[in-house]
Amino acid sequence: MDNYTVNFTTHEASTNSTTDYFWLLESQKMCMFSINLLFGLPTHSFIIWLIITGTGSGVSSEFFNLNLSVCELFICLNCLFYIMSVCFQRILELPLFLLGLSFTGRPVFQCLIGVERYLAVVHPVTFLKYKPLRYRVIFCTVTWISILGSCFCSLFINLTNNGQMHTKILSLQFLLFLFIQLFCLVAVLRALKQSGPGERRREREEENHMKRRAFQIILIDRA
């Protein structure tokens, strides 16, 4: 009788500890998603408004940034859907579906921005060749199709509880995007640190000042 009481008490304490740990993780998720929604939604909405109204460099030159901000806007809304799914279990599949935006949409658009800057600095002739808006529209269309496929894949994997496959796919995808962004970053920074031949002293100082600013901006952007 005493052994049964001890085992039952131990099992109950273990269950309570697991439950407390689960609710602690859920509370942290809720807090993180709430902060992301509170700050991310107005910020990216303002960025989209600035690009569309032409306050910056225009829609054509900032087309990748526009799509990235739209993707981030949907990610912020997905945080709201996840919070709502705690009370309304029927919409639980929606945040699982929109996980593809975080896993694929955000890094792909960041890679496109990095490649665009790489071409503009290292290969300006190629950049001018593909500068028209139609090429950006083509790349973004292919990207959104890939994002849609990633969303369906994320929903299927989460519903089938195949976490091992999900981890492998995300790891390979992360390494691929990381390699592309690091390559573009290093190539651009190397090009910005080099001085052109035959530059006069004053022109060299002005250009070096501009290069230092561009260097700092790229480092902040990639951080």
Protein backbone atom coordinates (compact mmCIF):
# COMPACT_ATOMS: atom_id res chain seq x y z
CA MET A 1 0.00 0.00 0.00
CA ASP A 2 2.85 2.38 0.88
CA ASN A 3 4.71 1.55 -2.36
CA TYR A 4 1.57 2.22 -4.38
CA THR A 5 1.09 5.56 -2.62
CA VAL A 6 4.70 6.57 -3.29
CA ASN A 7 4.52 5.57 -6.97
CA PHE A 8 1.23 7.38 -7.45
CA THR A 9 2.57 10.52 -5.76
CA THR A 10 5.75 10.43 -7.87
CA HIS A 11 3.76 9.96 -11.08
CA GLU A 12 1.43 12.82 -10.18
CA ALA A 13 4.36 15.13 -9.38
CA SER A 14 6.02 14.24 -12.69
CA THR A 15 2.78 14.93 -14.57
CA ASN A 16 2.37 18.30 -12.86
CA SER A 17 5.99 19.20 -13.67
CA THR A 18 5.51 18.32 -17.33
CA THR A 19 2.28 20.32 -17.47
CA ASP A 20 3.92 23.34 -15.85
CA TYR A 21 6.82 23.14 -18.30
CA PHE A 22 4.40 22.93 -21.25
CA TRP A 23 2.44 25.97 -20.11
CA LEU A 24 5.70 27.87 -19.50
CA LEU A 25 6.74 27.25 -23.11
CA GLU A 26 3.31 28.25 -24.36
CA SER A 27 3.43 31.44 -22.30
CA GLN A 28 6.84 32.31 -23.78
CA LYS A 29 5.50 31.67 -27.29
CA MET A 30 2.49 33.88 -26.63
CA CYS A 31 4.71 36.66 -25.33
CA MET A 32 7.07 36.41 -28.30
CA PHE A 33 4.23 36.33 -30.85
CA SER A 34 2.50 39.27 -29.13
CA ILE A 35 5.68 41.38 -29.33
CA ASN A 36 6.19 40.42 -32.96
CA LEU A 37 2.60 41.35 -33.77
CA LEU A 38 2.69 44.59 -31.80
CA PHE A 39 5.87 45.96 -33.37
CA GLY A 40 6.12 44.10 -36.67
CA LEU A 41 2.65 44.79 -38.05
CA PRO A 42 2.78 48.62 -37.96
CA THR A 43 6.45 48.71 -38.96
CA HIS A 44 6.08 46.63 -42.12
CA SER A 45 2.79 48.33 -42.97
CA PHE A 46 4.61 51.67 -42.85
CA ILE A 47 7.46 50.31 -45.01
CA ILE A 48 4.99 49.07 -47.62
CA TRP A 49 3.26 52.44 -47.61
CA LEU A 50 6.58 54.27 -48.09
CA ILE A 51 7.59 52.07 -51.04
CA ILE A 52 4.20 52.28 -52.76
CA THR A 53 3.87 56.05 -52.35
CA GLY A 54 7.35 56.54 -53.78
CA THR A 55 8.91 58.21 -50.75
CA GLY A 56 11.97 56.02 -51.16
CA SER A 57 13.61 54.91 -54.40
CA GLY A 58 10.36 53.74 -55.99
CA VAL A 59 8.57 50.42 -56.42
CA SER A 60 10.81 49.21 -59.24
CA SER A 61 14.12 49.47 -57.39
CA GLU A 62 12.61 48.33 -54.07
CA PHE A 63 10.46 45.53 -55.47
CA PHE A 64 12.24 42.76 -53.53
CA ASN A 65 12.03 44.80 -50.32
CA LEU A 66 8.32 45.33 -50.99
CA ASN A 67 7.73 41.60 -51.33
CA LEU A 68 9.82 40.92 -48.23
CA SER A 69 7.73 43.39 -46.23
CA VAL A 70 4.51 41.80 -47.51
CA CYS A 71 5.85 38.40 -46.45
CA GLU A 72 6.77 39.78 -43.02
CA LEU A 73 3.29 41.28 -42.76
CA PHE A 74 1.72 37.86 -43.29
CA ILE A 75 4.14 36.39 -40.72
CA CYS A 76 2.92 38.97 -38.18
CA LEU A 77 -0.69 38.03 -38.99
CA ASN A 78 0.27 34.39 -38.51
CA CYS A 79 1.29 35.28 -34.95
CA LEU A 80 -2.23 36.61 -34.43
CA PHE A 81 -3.73 33.41 -35.88
CA TYR A 82 -1.59 31.31 -33.56
CA ILE A 83 -2.75 33.29 -30.53
CA MET A 84 -6.36 32.92 -31.66
CA SER A 85 -5.89 29.16 -32.20
CA VAL A 86 -5.45 28.71 -28.44
CA CYS A 87 -9.10 29.67 -27.98
CA PHE A 88 -10.40 28.48 -31.36
CA GLN A 89 -8.98 25.06 -32.18
CA ARG A 90 -10.67 25.04 -35.59
CA ILE A 91 -8.17 27.52 -37.03
CA LEU A 92 -5.11 25.62 -35.75
CA GLU A 93 -4.32 24.41 -39.28
CA LEU A 94 -4.04 27.98 -40.58
CA PRO A 95 -0.92 28.98 -38.57
CA LEU A 96 0.62 25.60 -39.39
CA PHE A 97 0.03 26.31 -43.08
CA LEU A 98 1.51 29.82 -42.90
CA LEU A 99 4.73 28.53 -41.31
CA GLY A 100 6.06 28.22 -44.86
CA LEU A 101 6.30 32.02 -44.96
CA SER A 102 8.84 31.99 -42.13
CA PHE A 103 10.73 28.92 -43.30
CA THR A 104 10.95 29.79 -47.02
CA GLY A 105 9.54 33.24 -47.82
CA ARG A 106 11.69 35.37 -45.54
CA PRO A 107 15.10 33.76 -46.36
CA VAL A 108 14.42 33.57 -50.11
CA PHE A 109 13.55 37.26 -50.39
CA GLN A 110 16.58 38.13 -48.26
CA CYS A 111 18.72 36.06 -50.64
CA LEU A 112 17.24 37.86 -53.65
CA ILE A 113 18.07 41.22 -52.09
CA GLY A 114 21.60 40.03 -51.34
CA VAL A 115 22.12 38.71 -54.89
CA GLU A 116 20.78 41.96 -56.33
CA ARG A 117 23.27 44.00 -54.31
CA TYR A 118 26.04 41.59 -55.23
CA LEU A 119 25.34 42.06 -58.94
CA ALA A 120 25.04 45.84 -58.55
CA VAL A 121 28.46 46.14 -56.90
CA VAL A 122 30.51 43.29 -58.37
CA HIS A 123 28.88 42.82 -61.80
CA PRO A 124 27.24 46.17 -62.71
CA VAL A 125 26.87 45.29 -66.42
CA THR A 126 24.87 42.16 -65.59
CA PHE A 127 22.86 44.16 -63.06
CA LEU A 128 21.90 46.75 -65.68
CA LYS A 129 20.90 43.94 -68.04
CA TYR A 130 18.45 42.47 -65.53
CA LYS A 131 17.44 45.78 -63.95
CA PRO A 132 13.98 46.10 -65.65
CA LEU A 133 11.00 45.39 -63.42
CA ARG A 134 9.80 42.39 -65.43
CA TYR A 135 12.76 40.28 -64.24
CA ARG A 136 12.02 41.11 -60.63
CA VAL A 137 8.37 40.19 -61.16
CA ILE A 138 9.39 36.83 -62.64
CA PHE A 139 11.70 36.02 -59.72
CA CYS A 140 9.10 37.08 -57.16
CA THR A 141 6.37 35.04 -58.88
CA VAL A 142 8.55 31.92 -58.76
CA THR A 143 9.34 32.67 -55.12
CA TRP A 144 5.67 33.00 -54.12
CA ILE A 145 4.91 29.70 -55.88
CA SER A 146 7.74 28.10 -53.89
CA ILE A 147 6.36 29.64 -50.70
CA LEU A 148 2.93 28.17 -51.42
CA GLY A 149 4.51 24.73 -51.88
CA SER A 150 6.44 25.18 -48.63
CA CYS A 151 3.20 26.09 -46.82
CA PHE A 152 1.50 22.88 -47.98
CA CYS A 153 4.62 20.91 -47.05
CA SER A 154 4.72 22.45 -43.56
CA LEU A 155 1.03 21.67 -43.00
CA PHE A 156 1.43 18.06 -44.15
CA ILE A 157 4.53 17.43 -42.04
CA ASN A 158 2.99 18.96 -38.90
CA LEU A 159 -0.26 17.03 -39.29
CA THR A 160 1.62 13.75 -39.77
CA ASN A 161 3.93 14.57 -36.81
CA ASN A 162 7.03 13.74 -38.85
CA GLY A 163 9.37 15.98 -36.92
CA GLN A 164 12.57 14.27 -38.07
CA MET A 165 11.87 14.95 -41.74
CA HIS A 166 10.91 18.53 -40.94
CA THR A 167 14.20 19.08 -39.09
CA LYS A 168 16.27 17.71 -41.98
CA ILE A 169 14.49 19.85 -44.57
CA LEU A 170 14.82 23.00 -42.47
CA SER A 171 18.51 22.32 -41.77
CA LEU A 172 19.38 21.87 -45.46
CA GLN A 173 17.33 24.92 -46.40
CA PHE A 174 18.95 27.03 -43.69
CA LEU A 175 22.48 26.03 -44.75
CA LEU A 176 21.74 26.78 -48.41
CA PHE A 177 20.34 30.25 -47.73
CA LEU A 178 23.11 31.00 -45.22
CA PHE A 179 25.80 30.09 -47.76
CA ILE A 180 24.24 32.30 -50.46
CA GLN A 181 23.88 35.30 -48.17
CA LEU A 182 27.39 34.95 -46.74
CA PHE A 183 28.88 34.67 -50.22
CA CYS A 184 27.09 37.81 -51.42
CA LEU A 185 27.99 39.68 -48.23
CA VAL A 186 31.70 38.86 -48.38
CA ALA A 187 31.91 39.62 -52.12
CA VAL A 188 30.18 42.99 -51.73
CA LEU A 189 32.27 44.01 -48.73
CA ARG A 190 35.49 43.06 -50.53
CA ALA A 191 34.46 45.12 -53.56
CA LEU A 192 33.56 48.12 -51.38
CA LYS A 193 36.94 48.05 -49.62
CA GLN A 194 38.90 48.17 -52.89
CA SER A 195 39.84 51.52 -54.39
CA GLY A 196 39.53 52.12 -58.10
CA PRO A 197 42.66 52.80 -60.21
CA GLY A 198 43.73 56.36 -61.00
CA GLU A 199 41.61 58.05 -58.36
CA ARG A 200 42.61 61.50 -57.14
CA ARG A 201 43.06 62.03 -53.42
CA ARG A 202 39.91 64.06 -52.82
CA GLU A 203 37.76 61.76 -54.94
CA ARG A 204 39.28 58.76 -53.20
CA GLU A 205 38.46 60.19 -49.77
CA GLU A 206 34.86 60.94 -50.76
CA GLU A 207 34.40 57.52 -52.31
CA ASN A 208 36.00 55.80 -49.33
CA HIS A 209 33.57 57.67 -47.06
CA MET A 210 30.64 56.46 -49.15
CA LYS A 211 32.05 52.93 -49.18
CA ARG A 212 32.39 52.96 -45.40
CA ARG A 213 28.76 54.02 -45.06
CA ALA A 214 27.66 51.29 -47.50
CA PHE A 215 29.86 48.83 -45.60
CA GLN A 216 28.16 49.70 -42.30
CA ILE A 217 24.67 49.59 -43.83
CA ILE A 218 25.25 46.11 -45.26
CA LEU A 219 26.62 44.83 -41.97
CA ILE A 220 23.60 46.20 -40.07
CA ASP A 221 21.21 44.81 -42.69
CA ARG A 222 22.73 41.32 -42.55
CA ALA A 223 23.00 41.24 -38.74
